[in-house]
Structures are given as C-alpha cells and as structure tokens.
Amino acid sequence: MEYRRAEWVRVPVGDDAARWATREKCLRVLVVVHNVTAATRLLDVLPLFDDDWRVQLLATCTGSSAFTAGTAELLADTGVPVLPWEQAAQTQVDSAANWT
C-alpha cells in the first residue's frame, strides 16, 4: 500500500516532530515486519521495551509479502507508531530489526 506524503506520521518522526518532543533524545528503533506471522513474533518481545523511556519504537510493514492483510491493524493495536514503508525508508533510526 502506498501512502501520500501528506499521510505520513508527523510525531514522533515527522519533519517538525522535534517541536512536540516531551523528553530528551532517545534511541529510535525501527521494527520491520513483512506479514501477520512476523508481527505476532514481534509481539513476544515488545514488552521488553515497555518501561524503557530511552527507546522510541517505530514499526513498519514493507508490503513485500503476499500475506499482509491485517498486518497494519495488528501493529497499530500495539501502540507503537506505524510508519508507511516509504517514510520508514527515509527516517533516520539508531537501530533496525527485521522480523520475517
């Protein structure tokens, strides 16, 4: 699914996101999933980051799998900001993890 730039996430990673920041610099970690199966594996490790305010988790789905139905909704239910793949590919992050 392609998003227009106007539909990109503005906070916490958009062009003017810094003006809305409520805490000091934190590490951005992007988790990349390809389908629902990969997203459910991700759900197993997300609780490890619940209380760590030094880490800003971001998620994206590449759209590369034939089985992407429901992936964006599952990610959105986690409370982690979900970036369109096009935005994620252009967003500077400190670390990225690929769940396949």
Protein backbone atom coordinates (compact mmCIF):
# COMPACT_ATOMS: atom_id res chain seq x y z
CA MET A 1 0.00 0.00 0.00
CA GLU A 2 1.43 3.37 -0.95
CA TYR A 3 0.85 6.46 1.15
CA ARG A 4 0.97 10.05 0.00
CA ARG A 5 3.48 12.16 1.89
CA ALA A 6 0.57 14.05 3.47
CA GLU A 7 -0.42 10.79 5.20
CA TRP A 8 2.99 10.24 6.78
CA VAL A 9 3.32 10.11 10.55
CA ARG A 10 4.12 13.59 11.95
CA VAL A 11 5.01 12.61 15.52
CA PRO A 12 7.45 11.30 16.74
CA VAL A 13 9.41 11.31 13.46
CA GLY A 14 7.89 13.84 11.08
CA ASP A 15 9.57 16.94 9.71
CA ASP A 16 8.51 19.10 12.68
CA ALA A 17 8.39 16.35 15.33
CA ALA A 18 11.10 17.97 17.48
CA ARG A 19 8.78 20.80 18.45
CA TRP A 20 6.39 18.29 20.04
CA ALA A 21 9.05 16.31 21.94
CA THR A 22 8.35 15.86 25.65
CA ARG A 23 11.61 14.12 26.58
CA GLU A 24 15.27 14.31 25.75
CA LYS A 25 16.97 12.38 22.97
CA CYS A 26 16.02 8.76 22.84
CA LEU A 27 17.14 5.97 20.57
CA ARG A 28 14.88 5.24 17.61
CA VAL A 29 14.42 1.55 16.93
CA LEU A 30 12.57 0.56 13.78
CA VAL A 31 11.00 -2.87 13.62
CA VAL A 32 10.26 -4.07 10.12
CA VAL A 33 7.68 -6.79 9.59
CA HIS A 34 6.53 -8.45 6.41
CA ASN A 35 3.27 -10.15 7.42
CA VAL A 36 0.98 -11.04 10.33
CA THR A 37 3.10 -14.04 11.32
CA ALA A 38 6.17 -11.86 11.68
CA ALA A 39 4.15 -9.25 13.59
CA THR A 40 2.96 -11.85 16.11
CA ARG A 41 6.60 -12.82 16.76
CA LEU A 42 7.32 -9.15 17.37
CA LEU A 43 4.55 -9.05 19.98
CA ASP A 44 6.58 -11.53 22.04
CA VAL A 45 9.46 -9.07 22.51
CA LEU A 46 7.65 -5.70 22.68
CA PRO A 47 7.05 -5.96 26.44
CA LEU A 48 10.83 -5.80 26.94
CA PHE A 49 10.67 -2.12 25.95
CA ASP A 50 7.57 -1.12 27.94
CA ASP A 51 9.40 0.69 30.73
CA ASP A 52 12.45 1.90 28.83
CA TRP A 53 11.93 5.60 28.12
CA ARG A 54 15.31 5.75 26.36
CA VAL A 55 13.90 3.87 23.38
CA GLN A 56 11.35 5.11 20.84
CA LEU A 57 9.96 2.12 18.99
CA LEU A 58 8.69 2.56 15.45
CA ALA A 59 7.14 -0.09 13.23
CA THR A 60 6.58 -0.53 9.52
CA CYS A 61 5.35 -3.17 7.11
CA THR A 62 7.21 -3.49 3.82
CA GLY A 63 4.24 -4.74 1.84
CA SER A 64 6.56 -7.34 0.32
CA SER A 65 4.58 -10.38 1.40
CA ALA A 66 1.53 -11.89 -0.22
CA PHE A 67 0.10 -12.21 3.30
CA THR A 68 -0.01 -8.59 4.50
CA ALA A 69 -3.75 -8.46 5.24
CA GLY A 70 -4.27 -7.34 8.84
CA THR A 71 -0.61 -6.53 9.48
CA ALA A 72 -1.03 -2.75 9.75
CA GLU A 73 -4.02 -3.17 12.08
CA LEU A 74 -2.14 -5.61 14.32
CA LEU A 75 0.82 -3.22 14.55
CA ALA A 76 -1.47 -0.26 15.27
CA ASP A 77 -3.02 -2.16 18.18
CA THR A 78 0.41 -2.33 19.89
CA GLY A 79 0.51 1.43 20.45
CA VAL A 80 3.81 1.68 18.57
CA PRO A 81 3.78 4.37 15.86
CA VAL A 82 3.37 2.65 12.48
CA LEU A 83 5.14 4.39 9.63
CA PRO A 84 4.31 3.84 5.98
CA TRP A 85 7.19 1.91 4.39
CA GLU A 86 8.14 4.88 2.20
CA GLN A 87 8.52 7.10 5.27
CA ALA A 88 10.34 4.43 7.28
CA ALA A 89 12.88 4.02 4.49
CA GLN A 90 13.69 7.74 4.73
CA THR A 91 13.65 8.05 8.52
CA GLN A 92 16.95 8.10 10.38
CA VAL A 93 16.99 5.44 13.10
CA ASP A 94 19.61 4.18 15.54
CA SER A 95 18.78 0.53 15.01
CA ALA A 96 16.51 -1.59 12.87
CA ALA A 97 15.27 -5.13 13.35
CA ASN A 98 13.77 -7.21 10.58
CA TRP A 99 11.11 -9.77 11.53
CA THR A 100 10.41 -12.29 8.78
